[in-house]
PDB file of all heavy atoms in Angstrom:
ATOM      1  N   PRO A   1    -185.278-101.802 -82.996  1.00  0.00           N
ATOM      2  CA  PRO A   1    -186.404-101.034 -82.462  1.00  0.00           C
ATOM      3  C   PRO A   1    -186.050 -99.438 -82.811  1.00  0.00           C
ATOM      4  O   PRO A   1    -184.932 -99.077 -82.863  1.00  0.00           O
ATOM      5  CB  PRO A   1    -186.150-101.201 -81.091  1.00  0.00           C
ATOM      6  CG  PRO A   1    -185.650-102.654 -80.933  1.00  0.00           C
ATOM      7  CD  PRO A   1    -184.695-102.746 -81.995  1.00  0.00           C
ATOM      8  N   ALA A   2    -187.142 -98.753 -82.996  1.00  0.00           N
ATOM      9  CA  ALA A   2    -187.052 -97.217 -83.307  1.00  0.00           C
ATOM     10  C   ALA A   2    -186.402 -96.554 -82.157  1.00  0.00           C
ATOM     11  O   ALA A   2    -185.661 -95.571 -82.328  1.00  0.00           O
ATOM     12  CB  ALA A   2    -188.295 -96.789 -83.786  1.00  0.00           C
ATOM     13  N   ARG A   3    -186.817 -96.830 -80.989  1.00  0.00           N
ATOM     14  CA  ARG A   3    -186.363 -96.170 -79.694  1.00  0.00           C
ATOM     15  C   ARG A   3    -185.385 -97.142 -79.071  1.00  0.00           C
ATOM     16  O   ARG A   3    -185.732 -98.029 -78.379  1.00  0.00           O
ATOM     17  CB  ARG A   3    -187.539 -95.749 -78.861  1.00  0.00           C
ATOM     18  CG  ARG A   3    -188.382 -94.675 -79.449  1.00  0.00           C
ATOM     19  CD  ARG A   3    -189.423 -94.162 -78.438  1.00  0.00           C
ATOM     20  NE  ARG A   3    -190.442 -95.187 -78.115  1.00  0.00           N
ATOM     21  CZ  ARG A   3    -190.959 -95.311 -76.907  1.00  0.00           C
ATOM     22  NH1 ARG A   3    -190.600 -94.512 -76.055  1.00  0.00           N
ATOM     23  NH2 ARG A   3    -191.963 -96.155 -76.855  1.00  0.00           N
ATOM     24  N   MET A   4    -184.082 -96.742 -79.189  1.00  0.00           N
ATOM     25  CA  MET A   4    -183.057 -97.750 -78.573  1.00  0.00           C
ATOM     26  C   MET A   4    -181.701 -97.041 -78.346  1.00  0.00           C
ATOM     27  O   MET A   4    -181.385 -96.076 -79.107  1.00  0.00           O
ATOM     28  CB  MET A   4    -182.738 -98.863 -79.681  1.00  0.00           C
ATOM     29  CG  MET A   4    -181.713 -99.718 -79.355  1.00  0.00           C
ATOM     30  SD  MET A   4    -181.421-100.975 -80.753  1.00  0.00           S
ATOM     31  CE  MET A   4    -180.671 -99.855 -81.930  1.00  0.00           C
ATOM     32  N   ARG A   5    -181.099 -97.398 -77.340  1.00  0.00           N
ATOM     33  CA  ARG A   5    -179.848 -96.955 -76.925  1.00  0.00           C
ATOM     34  C   ARG A   5    -178.908 -98.282 -76.962  1.00  0.00           C
ATOM     35  O   ARG A   5    -179.308 -99.154 -76.346  1.00  0.00           O
ATOM     36  CB  ARG A   5    -179.697 -96.279 -75.658  1.00  0.00           C
ATOM     37  CG  ARG A   5    -178.143 -95.797 -75.217  1.00  0.00           C
ATOM     38  CD  ARG A   5    -178.041 -94.929 -74.116  1.00  0.00           C
ATOM     39  NE  ARG A   5    -176.642 -94.678 -73.867  1.00  0.00           N
ATOM     40  CZ  ARG A   5    -176.256 -93.927 -72.872  1.00  0.00           C
ATOM     41  NH1 ARG A   5    -177.014 -93.375 -72.043  1.00  0.00           N
ATOM     42  NH2 ARG A   5    -174.927 -93.662 -72.699  1.00  0.00           N
ATOM     43  N   VAL A   6    -177.793 -98.186 -77.555  1.00  0.00           N
ATOM     44  CA  VAL A   6    -176.838 -99.298 -77.768  1.00  0.00           C
ATOM     45  C   VAL A   6    -175.510 -99.003 -76.847  1.00  0.00           C
ATOM     46  O   VAL A   6    -175.032 -98.033 -76.893  1.00  0.00           O
ATOM     47  CB  VAL A   6    -176.454 -99.532 -79.108  1.00  0.00           C
ATOM     48  CG1 VAL A   6    -175.333-100.661 -79.181  1.00  0.00           C
ATOM     49  CG2 VAL A   6    -177.633 -99.805 -80.018  1.00  0.00           C
ATOM     50  N   LEU A   7    -175.280 -99.976 -76.009  1.00  0.00           N
ATOM     51  CA  LEU A   7    -174.121-100.005 -75.161  1.00  0.00           C
ATOM     52  C   LEU A   7    -173.115-101.089 -75.775  1.00  0.00           C
ATOM     53  O   LEU A   7    -173.458-102.274 -75.823  1.00  0.00           O
ATOM     54  CB  LEU A   7    -174.337-100.296 -73.700  1.00  0.00           C
ATOM     55  CG  LEU A   7    -175.209 -99.372 -72.964  1.00  0.00           C
ATOM     56  CD1 LEU A   7    -175.350 -99.799 -71.463  1.00  0.00           C
ATOM     57  CD2 LEU A   7    -174.530 -97.970 -72.906  1.00  0.00           C
ATOM     58  N   LEU A   8    -171.925-100.694 -76.305  1.00  0.00           N
ATOM     59  CA  LEU A   8    -170.931-101.578 -76.834  1.00  0.00           C
ATOM     60  C   LEU A   8    -170.027-101.979 -75.606  1.00  0.00           C
ATOM     61  O   LEU A   8    -169.168-101.149 -75.089  1.00  0.00           O
ATOM     62  CB  LEU A   8    -170.230-101.071 -77.925  1.00  0.00           C
ATOM     63  CG  LEU A   8    -171.022-100.644 -79.191  1.00  0.00           C
ATOM     64  CD1 LEU A   8    -170.079-100.032 -80.355  1.00  0.00           C
ATOM     65  CD2 LEU A   8    -171.837-101.769 -79.704  1.00  0.00           C
ATOM     66  N   ASP A   9    -170.110-103.267 -75.179  1.00  0.00           N
ATOM     67  CA  ASP A   9    -169.437-103.607 -73.933  1.00  0.00           C
ATOM     68  C   ASP A   9    -169.302-105.190 -74.037  1.00  0.00           C
ATOM     69  O   ASP A   9    -170.044-105.849 -74.629  1.00  0.00           O
ATOM     70  CB  ASP A   9    -170.125-103.166 -72.745  1.00  0.00           C
ATOM     71  CG  ASP A   9    -169.239-102.974 -71.535  1.00  0.00           C
ATOM     72  OD1 ASP A   9    -167.944-103.398 -71.698  1.00  0.00           O
ATOM     73  OD2 ASP A   9    -169.610-102.531 -70.531  1.00  0.00           O
ATOM     74  N   ARG A  10    -168.206-105.617 -73.244  1.00  0.00           N
ATOM     75  CA  ARG A  10    -168.084-107.070 -73.181  1.00  0.00           C
ATOM     76  C   ARG A  10    -167.799-107.420 -71.714  1.00  0.00           C
ATOM     77  O   ARG A  10    -167.023-106.754 -71.008  1.00  0.00           O
ATOM     78  CB  ARG A  10    -166.801-107.540 -74.060  1.00  0.00           C
ATOM     79  CG  ARG A  10    -166.532-108.998 -74.121  1.00  0.00           C
ATOM     80  CD  ARG A  10    -165.159-109.350 -74.430  1.00  0.00           C
ATOM     81  NE  ARG A  10    -164.611-108.718 -75.698  1.00  0.00           N
ATOM     82  CZ  ARG A  10    -164.619-109.312 -76.953  1.00  0.00           C
ATOM     83  NH1 ARG A  10    -165.079-110.535 -77.025  1.00  0.00           N
ATOM     84  NH2 ARG A  10    -164.195-108.636 -77.995  1.00  0.00           N
ATOM     85  N   GLY A  11    -168.510-108.455 -71.256  1.00  0.00           N
ATOM     86  CA  GLY A  11    -168.346-108.913 -69.947  1.00  0.00           C
ATOM     87  C   GLY A  11    -166.960-109.478 -69.618  1.00  0.00           C
ATOM     88  O   GLY A  11    -166.045-109.453 -70.425  1.00  0.00           O
ATOM     89  N   PRO A  12    -166.747-109.793 -68.308  1.00  0.00           N
ATOM     90  CA  PRO A  12    -167.786-109.993 -67.242  1.00  0.00           C
ATOM     91  C   PRO A  12    -168.218-108.619 -66.646  1.00  0.00           C
ATOM     92  O   PRO A  12    -167.307-107.643 -66.582  1.00  0.00           O
ATOM     93  CB  PRO A  12    -166.976-110.925 -66.232  1.00  0.00           C
ATOM     94  CG  PRO A  12    -165.533-110.514 -66.401  1.00  0.00           C
ATOM     95  CD  PRO A  12    -165.337-110.298 -67.895  1.00  0.00           C
ATOM     96  N   PHE A  13    -169.307-108.771 -66.032  1.00  0.00           N
ATOM     97  CA  PHE A  13    -169.874-107.499 -65.473  1.00  0.00           C
ATOM     98  C   PHE A  13    -170.138-107.734 -64.003  1.00  0.00           C
ATOM     99  O   PHE A  13    -170.215-108.878 -63.471  1.00  0.00           O
ATOM    100  CB  PHE A  13    -171.373-107.133 -66.173  1.00  0.00           C
ATOM    101  CG  PHE A  13    -171.213-107.007 -67.565  1.00  0.00           C
ATOM    102  CD1 PHE A  13    -171.697-108.042 -68.480  1.00  0.00           C
ATOM    103  CD2 PHE A  13    -170.730-105.814 -68.122  1.00  0.00           C
ATOM    104  CE1 PHE A  13    -171.557-107.760 -69.803  1.00  0.00           C
ATOM    105  CE2 PHE A  13    -170.701-105.559 -69.505  1.00  0.00           C
ATOM    106  CZ  PHE A  13    -171.062-106.680 -70.247  1.00  0.00           C
ATOM    107  N   THR A  14    -170.077-106.676 -63.233  1.00  0.00           N
ATOM    108  CA  THR A  14    -170.215-106.796 -61.695  1.00  0.00           C
ATOM    109  C   THR A  14    -171.684-106.421 -61.328  1.00  0.00           C
ATOM    110  O   THR A  14    -172.523-105.870 -62.005  1.00  0.00           O
ATOM    111  CB  THR A  14    -169.305-105.891 -61.099  1.00  0.00           C
ATOM    112  OG1 THR A  14    -169.769-104.502 -61.307  1.00  0.00           O
ATOM    113  CG2 THR A  14    -167.894-106.044 -61.490  1.00  0.00           C
ATOM    114  N   VAL A  15    -172.074-106.926 -60.170  1.00  0.00           N
ATOM    115  CA  VAL A  15    -173.353-106.520 -59.585  1.00  0.00           C
ATOM    116  C   VAL A  15    -173.468-105.124 -59.333  1.00  0.00           C
ATOM    117  O   VAL A  15    -174.544-104.487 -59.810  1.00  0.00           O
ATOM    118  CB  VAL A  15    -173.619-107.353 -58.321  1.00  0.00           C
ATOM    119  CG1 VAL A  15    -174.938-107.002 -57.683  1.00  0.00           C
ATOM    120  CG2 VAL A  15    -173.597-108.861 -58.557  1.00  0.00           C
ATOM    121  N   ASP A  16    -172.536-104.408 -58.928  1.00  0.00           N
ATOM    122  CA  ASP A  16    -172.567-103.032 -58.705  1.00  0.00           C
ATOM    123  C   ASP A  16    -172.672-102.366 -59.952  1.00  0.00           C
ATOM    124  O   ASP A  16    -173.569-101.385 -60.103  1.00  0.00           O
ATOM    125  CB  ASP A  16    -171.343-102.524 -58.045  1.00  0.00           C
ATOM    126  CG  ASP A  16    -171.245-102.908 -56.513  1.00  0.00           C
ATOM    127  OD1 ASP A  16    -172.328-103.247 -56.008  1.00  0.00           O
ATOM    128  OD2 ASP A  16    -170.075-102.748 -55.934  1.00  0.00           O
ATOM    129  N   GLY A  17    -172.055-102.717 -61.024  1.00  0.00           N
ATOM    130  CA  GLY A  17    -172.239-102.061 -62.308  1.00  0.00           C
ATOM    131  C   GLY A  17    -173.544-102.300 -62.935  1.00  0.00           C
ATOM    132  O   GLY A  17    -174.199-101.377 -63.532  1.00  0.00           O
ATOM    133  N   GLU A  18    -174.068-103.543 -62.800  1.00  0.00           N
ATOM    134  CA  GLU A  18    -175.395-103.839 -63.388  1.00  0.00           C
ATOM    135  C   GLU A  18    -176.507-103.126 -62.696  1.00  0.00           C
ATOM    136  O   GLU A  18    -177.485-102.575 -63.270  1.00  0.00           O
ATOM    137  CB  GLU A  18    -175.682-105.356 -63.381  1.00  0.00           C
ATOM    138  CG  GLU A  18    -174.703-106.108 -64.037  1.00  0.00           C
ATOM    139  CD  GLU A  18    -174.838-105.963 -65.623  1.00  0.00           C
ATOM    140  OE1 GLU A  18    -174.462-104.860 -66.124  1.00  0.00           O
ATOM    141  OE2 GLU A  18    -175.336-106.946 -66.230  1.00  0.00           O
ATOM    142  N   ARG A  19    -176.408-102.984 -61.419  1.00  0.00           N
ATOM    143  CA  ARG A  19    -177.417-102.245 -60.552  1.00  0.00           C
ATOM    144  C   ARG A  19    -177.395-100.786 -60.883  1.00  0.00           C
ATOM    145  O   ARG A  19    -178.468-100.287 -61.121  1.00  0.00           O
ATOM    146  CB  ARG A  19    -176.948-102.298 -59.071  1.00  0.00           C
ATOM    147  CG  ARG A  19    -178.074-101.781 -58.051  1.00  0.00           C
ATOM    148  CD  ARG A  19    -177.626-101.740 -56.701  1.00  0.00           C
ATOM    149  NE  ARG A  19    -177.226-103.084 -56.243  1.00  0.00           N
ATOM    150  CZ  ARG A  19    -175.823-103.176 -55.871  1.00  0.00           C
ATOM    151  NH1 ARG A  19    -174.975-102.398 -56.131  1.00  0.00           N
ATOM    152  NH2 ARG A  19    -175.565-104.521 -55.350  1.00  0.00           N
ATOM    153  N   ALA A  20    -176.235-100.213 -61.159  1.00  0.00           N
ATOM    154  CA  ALA A  20    -176.057 -98.832 -61.557  1.00  0.00           C
ATOM    155  C   ALA A  20    -176.686 -98.608 -62.835  1.00  0.00           C
ATOM    156  O   ALA A  20    -177.326 -97.596 -63.169  1.00  0.00           O
ATOM    157  CB  ALA A  20    -174.570 -98.318 -61.494  1.00  0.00           C
ATOM    158  N   LEU A  21    -176.490 -99.576 -63.879  1.00  0.00           N
ATOM    159  CA  LEU A  21    -177.071 -99.519 -65.149  1.00  0.00           C
ATOM    160  C   LEU A  21    -178.500 -99.479 -65.204  1.00  0.00           C
ATOM    161  O   LEU A  21    -179.076 -98.655 -65.844  1.00  0.00           O
ATOM    162  CB  LEU A  21    -176.393-100.674 -66.004  1.00  0.00           C
ATOM    163  CG  LEU A  21    -176.806-100.685 -67.418  1.00  0.00           C
ATOM    164  CD1 LEU A  21    -176.162 -99.540 -68.237  1.00  0.00           C
ATOM    165  CD2 LEU A  21    -176.432-101.955 -68.087  1.00  0.00           C
ATOM    166  N   LEU A  22    -179.104-100.349 -64.463  1.00  0.00           N
ATOM    167  CA  LEU A  22    -180.547-100.494 -64.443  1.00  0.00           C
ATOM    168  C   LEU A  22    -181.203 -99.183 -63.825  1.00  0.00           C
ATOM    169  O   LEU A  22    -182.326 -98.674 -64.215  1.00  0.00           O
ATOM    170  CB  LEU A  22    -181.030-101.740 -63.570  1.00  0.00           C
ATOM    171  CG  LEU A  22    -180.610-103.128 -64.071  1.00  0.00           C
ATOM    172  CD1 LEU A  22    -181.049-104.160 -63.085  1.00  0.00           C
ATOM    173  CD2 LEU A  22    -181.272-103.304 -65.444  1.00  0.00           C
ATOM    174  N   ARG A  23    -180.427 -98.724 -62.803  1.00  0.00           N
ATOM    175  CA  ARG A  23    -180.941 -97.448 -62.193  1.00  0.00           C
ATOM    176  C   ARG A  23    -180.915 -96.249 -63.141  1.00  0.00           C
ATOM    177  O   ARG A  23    -181.806 -95.395 -63.308  1.00  0.00           O
ATOM    178  CB  ARG A  23    -180.332 -97.151 -60.889  1.00  0.00           C
ATOM    179  CG  ARG A  23    -180.728 -98.029 -59.648  1.00  0.00           C
ATOM    180  CD  ARG A  23    -179.920 -97.730 -58.451  1.00  0.00           C
ATOM    181  NE  ARG A  23    -180.460 -98.409 -57.312  1.00  0.00           N
ATOM    182  CZ  ARG A  23    -179.869 -98.692 -56.197  1.00  0.00           C
ATOM    183  NH1 ARG A  23    -178.494 -98.404 -56.159  1.00  0.00           N
ATOM    184  NH2 ARG A  23    -180.476 -99.226 -55.024  1.00  0.00           N
ATOM    185  N   GLU A  24    -179.680 -96.054 -63.802  1.00  0.00           N
ATOM    186  CA  GLU A  24    -179.434 -94.936 -64.594  1.00  0.00           C
ATOM    187  C   GLU A  24    -180.461 -94.837 -65.809  1.00  0.00           C
ATOM    188  O   GLU A  24    -180.755 -93.766 -66.109  1.00  0.00           O
ATOM    189  CB  GLU A  24    -178.021 -95.067 -65.137  1.00  0.00           C
ATOM    190  CG  GLU A  24    -177.666 -93.986 -66.116  1.00  0.00           C
ATOM    191  CD  GLU A  24    -176.227 -94.200 -66.788  1.00  0.00           C
ATOM    192  OE1 GLU A  24    -175.582 -95.329 -66.388  1.00  0.00           O
ATOM    193  OE2 GLU A  24    -175.833 -93.426 -67.772  1.00  0.00           O
ATOM    194  N   HIS A  25    -180.808 -95.989 -66.298  1.00  0.00           N
ATOM    195  CA  HIS A  25    -181.751 -95.974 -67.498  1.00  0.00           C
ATOM    196  C   HIS A  25    -183.102 -96.326 -67.192  1.00  0.00           C
ATOM    197  O   HIS A  25    -184.020 -96.423 -67.985  1.00  0.00           O
ATOM    198  CB  HIS A  25    -181.125 -97.000 -68.499  1.00  0.00           C
ATOM    199  CG  HIS A  25    -179.884 -96.574 -69.127  1.00  0.00           C
ATOM    200  ND1 HIS A  25    -179.650 -95.707 -70.063  1.00  0.00           N
ATOM    201  CD2 HIS A  25    -178.556 -97.075 -68.757  1.00  0.00           C
ATOM    202  CE1 HIS A  25    -178.283 -95.592 -70.323  1.00  0.00           C
ATOM    203  NE2 HIS A  25    -177.691 -96.474 -69.601  1.00  0.00           N
ATOM    204  N   ALA A  26    -183.436 -96.351 -65.839  1.00  0.00           N
ATOM    205  CA  ALA A  26    -184.858 -96.568 -65.264  1.00  0.00           C
ATOM    206  C   ALA A  26    -185.323 -97.688 -65.869  1.00  0.00           C
ATOM    207  O   ALA A  26    -186.586 -97.740 -66.348  1.00  0.00           O
ATOM    208  CB  ALA A  26    -185.709 -95.271 -65.509  1.00  0.00           C
ATOM    209  N   VAL A  27    -184.662 -98.881 -65.963  1.00  0.00           N
ATOM    210  CA  VAL A  27    -185.209-100.024 -66.568  1.00  0.00           C
ATOM    211  C   VAL A  27    -186.219-100.791 -65.727  1.00  0.00           C
ATOM    212  O   VAL A  27    -186.063-100.752 -64.539  1.00  0.00           O
ATOM    213  CB  VAL A  27    -183.885-101.087 -66.758  1.00  0.00           C
ATOM    214  CG1 VAL A  27    -184.455-102.407 -67.152  1.00  0.00           C
ATOM    215  CG2 VAL A  27    -182.942-100.528 -67.901  1.00  0.00           C
ATOM    216  N   ASP A  28    -187.356-101.144 -66.412  1.00  0.00           N
ATOM    217  CA  ASP A  28    -188.272-101.656 -65.650  1.00  0.00           C
ATOM    218  C   ASP A  28    -188.583-103.221 -66.074  1.00  0.00           C
ATOM    219  O   ASP A  28    -189.501-103.865 -65.507  1.00  0.00           O
ATOM    220  CB  ASP A  28    -189.662-100.961 -65.560  1.00  0.00           C
ATOM    221  CG  ASP A  28    -190.012-100.503 -66.815  1.00  0.00           C
ATOM    222  OD1 ASP A  28    -189.696-101.100 -67.941  1.00  0.00           O
ATOM    223  OD2 ASP A  28    -190.864 -99.645 -66.923  1.00  0.00           O
ATOM    224  N   VAL A  29    -187.934-103.655 -66.970  1.00  0.00           N
ATOM    225  CA  VAL A  29    -188.028-105.030 -67.586  1.00  0.00           C
ATOM    226  C   VAL A  29    -186.567-105.493 -68.078  1.00  0.00           C
ATOM    227  O   VAL A  29    -186.010-104.755 -68.770  1.00  0.00           O
ATOM    228  CB  VAL A  29    -189.020-105.256 -68.592  1.00  0.00           C
ATOM    229  CG1 VAL A  29    -189.170-106.735 -68.894  1.00  0.00           C
ATOM    230  CG2 VAL A  29    -190.393-104.657 -68.264  1.00  0.00           C
ATOM    231  N   LEU A  30    -186.163-106.648 -67.637  1.00  0.00           N
ATOM    232  CA  LEU A  30    -184.888-107.247 -68.155  1.00  0.00           C
ATOM    233  C   LEU A  30    -185.327-108.415 -69.032  1.00  0.00           C
ATOM    234  O   LEU A  30    -186.065-109.362 -68.585  1.00  0.00           O
ATOM    235  CB  LEU A  30    -184.030-107.586 -67.085  1.00  0.00           C
ATOM    236  CG  LEU A  30    -182.798-108.588 -67.494  1.00  0.00           C
ATOM    237  CD1 LEU A  30    -181.884-107.781 -68.473  1.00  0.00           C
ATOM    238  CD2 LEU A  30    -182.084-109.114 -66.270  1.00  0.00           C
ATOM    239  N   VAL A  31    -184.866-108.515 -70.337  1.00  0.00           N
ATOM    240  CA  VAL A  31    -184.980-109.722 -71.166  1.00  0.00           C
ATOM    241  C   VAL A  31    -183.674-110.422 -71.351  1.00  0.00           C
ATOM    242  O   VAL A  31    -182.675-109.736 -71.840  1.00  0.00           O
ATOM    243  CB  VAL A  31    -185.660-109.252 -72.480  1.00  0.00           C
ATOM    244  CG1 VAL A  31    -185.729-110.580 -73.359  1.00  0.00           C
ATOM    245  CG2 VAL A  31    -186.961-108.570 -72.444  1.00  0.00           C
ATOM    246  N   THR A  32    -183.625-111.533 -71.092  1.00  0.00           N
ATOM    247  CA  THR A  32    -182.311-112.341 -71.257  1.00  0.00           C
ATOM    248  C   THR A  32    -182.586-113.823 -71.676  1.00  0.00           C
ATOM    249  O   THR A  32    -183.854-114.354 -71.424  1.00  0.00           O
ATOM    250  CB  THR A  32    -181.492-112.427 -70.036  1.00  0.00           C
ATOM    251  OG1 THR A  32    -180.206-112.879 -70.124  1.00  0.00           O
ATOM    252  CG2 THR A  32    -182.136-113.173 -68.890  1.00  0.00           C
ATOM    253  N   LYS A  33    -181.668-114.449 -72.236  1.00  0.00           N
ATOM    254  CA  LYS A  33    -181.717-115.914 -72.499  1.00  0.00           C
ATOM    255  C   LYS A  33    -181.067-116.634 -71.426  1.00  0.00           C
ATOM    256  O   LYS A  33    -180.250-116.225 -70.721  1.00  0.00           O
ATOM    257  CB  LYS A  33    -180.878-116.109 -73.897  1.00  0.00           C
ATOM    258  CG  LYS A  33    -181.454-115.629 -75.029  1.00  0.00           C
ATOM    259  CD  LYS A  33    -180.547-115.795 -76.171  1.00  0.00           C
ATOM    260  CE  LYS A  33    -181.050-115.176 -77.479  1.00  0.00           C
ATOM    261  NZ  LYS A  33    -180.181-115.464 -78.619  1.00  0.00           N
ATOM    262  N   ASP A  34    -181.552-117.855 -71.092  1.00  0.00           N
ATOM    263  CA  ASP A  34    -180.972-118.655 -70.085  1.00  0.00           C
ATOM    264  C   ASP A  34    -179.583-119.264 -70.567  1.00  0.00           C
ATOM    265  O   ASP A  34    -179.374-120.443 -70.891  1.00  0.00           O
ATOM    266  CB  ASP A  34    -181.939-119.907 -69.682  1.00  0.00           C
ATOM    267  CG  ASP A  34    -181.566-120.637 -68.689  1.00  0.00           C
ATOM    268  OD1 ASP A  34    -180.468-120.263 -68.011  1.00  0.00           O
ATOM    269  OD2 ASP A  34    -182.060-121.767 -68.419  1.00  0.00           O
ATOM    270  N   SER A  35    -178.683-118.352 -70.556  1.00  0.00           N
ATOM    271  CA  SER A  35    -177.317-118.746 -71.148  1.00  0.00           C
ATOM    272  C   SER A  35    -176.474-119.397 -70.053  1.00  0.00           C
ATOM    273  O   SER A  35    -175.461-120.176 -70.464  1.00  0.00           O
ATOM    274  CB  SER A  35    -176.514-117.488 -71.709  1.00  0.00           C
ATOM    275  OG  SER A  35    -177.312-116.912 -72.579  1.00  0.00           O
ATOM    276  N   GLY A  36    -176.760-119.284 -68.746  1.00  0.00           N
ATOM    277  CA  GLY A  36    -175.813-119.751 -67.687  1.00  0.00           C
ATOM    278  C   GLY A  36    -174.604-118.868 -67.534  1.00  0.00           C
ATOM    279  O   GLY A  36    -174.417-117.949 -68.244  1.00  0.00           O
ATOM    280  N   GLY A  37    -173.770-119.286 -66.629  1.00  0.00           N
ATOM    281  CA  GLY A  37    -172.548-118.499 -66.386  1.00  0.00           C
ATOM    282  C   GLY A  37    -172.821-117.352 -65.367  1.00  0.00           C
ATOM    283  O   GLY A  37    -173.861-117.349 -64.638  1.00  0.00           O
ATOM    284  N   PRO A  38    -171.875-116.458 -65.298  1.00  0.00           N
ATOM    285  CA  PRO A  38    -171.958-115.332 -64.354  1.00  0.00           C
ATOM    286  C   PRO A  38    -173.340-114.649 -64.482  1.00  0.00           C
ATOM    287  O   PRO A  38    -173.791-114.425 -65.660  1.00  0.00           O
ATOM    288  CB  PRO A  38    -170.809-114.442 -64.676  1.00  0.00           C
ATOM    289  CG  PRO A  38    -169.776-115.373 -65.298  1.00  0.00           C
ATOM    290  CD  PRO A  38    -170.548-116.423 -66.064  1.00  0.00           C
ATOM    291  N   ALA A  39    -173.954-114.219 -63.451  1.00  0.00           N
ATOM    292  CA  ALA A  39    -175.340-113.701 -63.570  1.00  0.00           C
ATOM    293  C   ALA A  39    -175.500-112.367 -62.730  1.00  0.00           C
ATOM    294  O   ALA A  39    -176.503-112.192 -61.939  1.00  0.00           O
ATOM    295  CB  ALA A  39    -176.285-114.817 -62.932  1.00  0.00           C
ATOM    296  N   ALA A  40    -174.572-111.484 -62.865  1.00  0.00           N
ATOM    297  CA  ALA A  40    -174.659-110.198 -62.195  1.00  0.00           C
ATOM    298  C   ALA A  40    -175.899-109.481 -62.513  1.00  0.00           C
ATOM    299  O   ALA A  40    -176.527-108.881 -61.629  1.00  0.00           O
ATOM    300  CB  ALA A  40    -173.413-109.362 -62.450  1.00  0.00           C
ATOM    301  N   LYS A  41    -176.398-109.501 -63.685  1.00  0.00           N
ATOM    302  CA  LYS A  41    -177.621-108.769 -64.023  1.00  0.00           C
ATOM    303  C   LYS A  41    -178.735-109.335 -63.329  1.00  0.00           C
ATOM    304  O   LYS A  41    -179.766-108.635 -62.975  1.00  0.00           O
ATOM    305  CB  LYS A  41    -177.765-108.847 -65.574  1.00  0.00           C
ATOM    306  CG  LYS A  41    -178.000-110.232 -66.074  1.00  0.00           C
ATOM    307  CD  LYS A  41    -177.858-110.196 -67.548  1.00  0.00           C
ATOM    308  CE  LYS A  41    -177.871-111.618 -68.270  1.00  0.00           C
ATOM    309  NZ  LYS A  41    -177.634-111.556 -69.731  1.00  0.00           N
ATOM    310  N   LEU A  42    -178.904-110.690 -63.162  1.00  0.00           N
ATOM    311  CA  LEU A  42    -179.967-111.361 -62.429  1.00  0.00           C
ATOM    312  C   LEU A  42    -179.940-110.862 -60.959  1.00  0.00           C
ATOM    313  O   LEU A  42    -181.165-110.722 -60.388  1.00  0.00           O
ATOM    314  CB  LEU A  42    -180.016-112.760 -62.592  1.00  0.00           C
ATOM    315  CG  LEU A  42    -180.022-113.328 -64.102  1.00  0.00           C
ATOM    316  CD1 LEU A  42    -179.982-114.866 -63.970  1.00  0.00           C
ATOM    317  CD2 LEU A  42    -181.271-112.791 -64.749  1.00  0.00           C
ATOM    318  N   THR A  43    -178.737-110.872 -60.393  1.00  0.00           N
ATOM    319  CA  THR A  43    -178.648-110.396 -58.970  1.00  0.00           C
ATOM    320  C   THR A  43    -179.187-108.950 -58.845  1.00  0.00           C
ATOM    321  O   THR A  43    -180.009-108.598 -57.913  1.00  0.00           O
ATOM    322  CB  THR A  43    -177.366-110.499 -58.487  1.00  0.00           C
ATOM    323  OG1 THR A  43    -176.942-111.816 -58.512  1.00  0.00           O
ATOM    324  CG2 THR A  43    -177.201-110.054 -57.006  1.00  0.00           C
ATOM    325  N   ALA A  44    -178.755-108.027 -59.731  1.00  0.00           N
ATOM    326  CA  ALA A  44    -179.156-106.616 -59.685  1.00  0.00           C
ATOM    327  C   ALA A  44    -180.685-106.535 -59.901  1.00  0.00           C
ATOM    328  O   ALA A  44    -181.350-105.705 -59.241  1.00  0.00           O
ATOM    329  CB  ALA A  44    -178.367-105.916 -60.724  1.00  0.00           C
TER     330      ALA A  44
END
């Protein structure tokens, strides 16, 4: 995408961290695959 910010990171991620990430970047939609496993981003 032309307008994009990339975060280079490897999980596991925490709910607090994911919540802060969504707020910091004013995210209004999350796109994910049904991968299973830890789901901190879904909780956030």
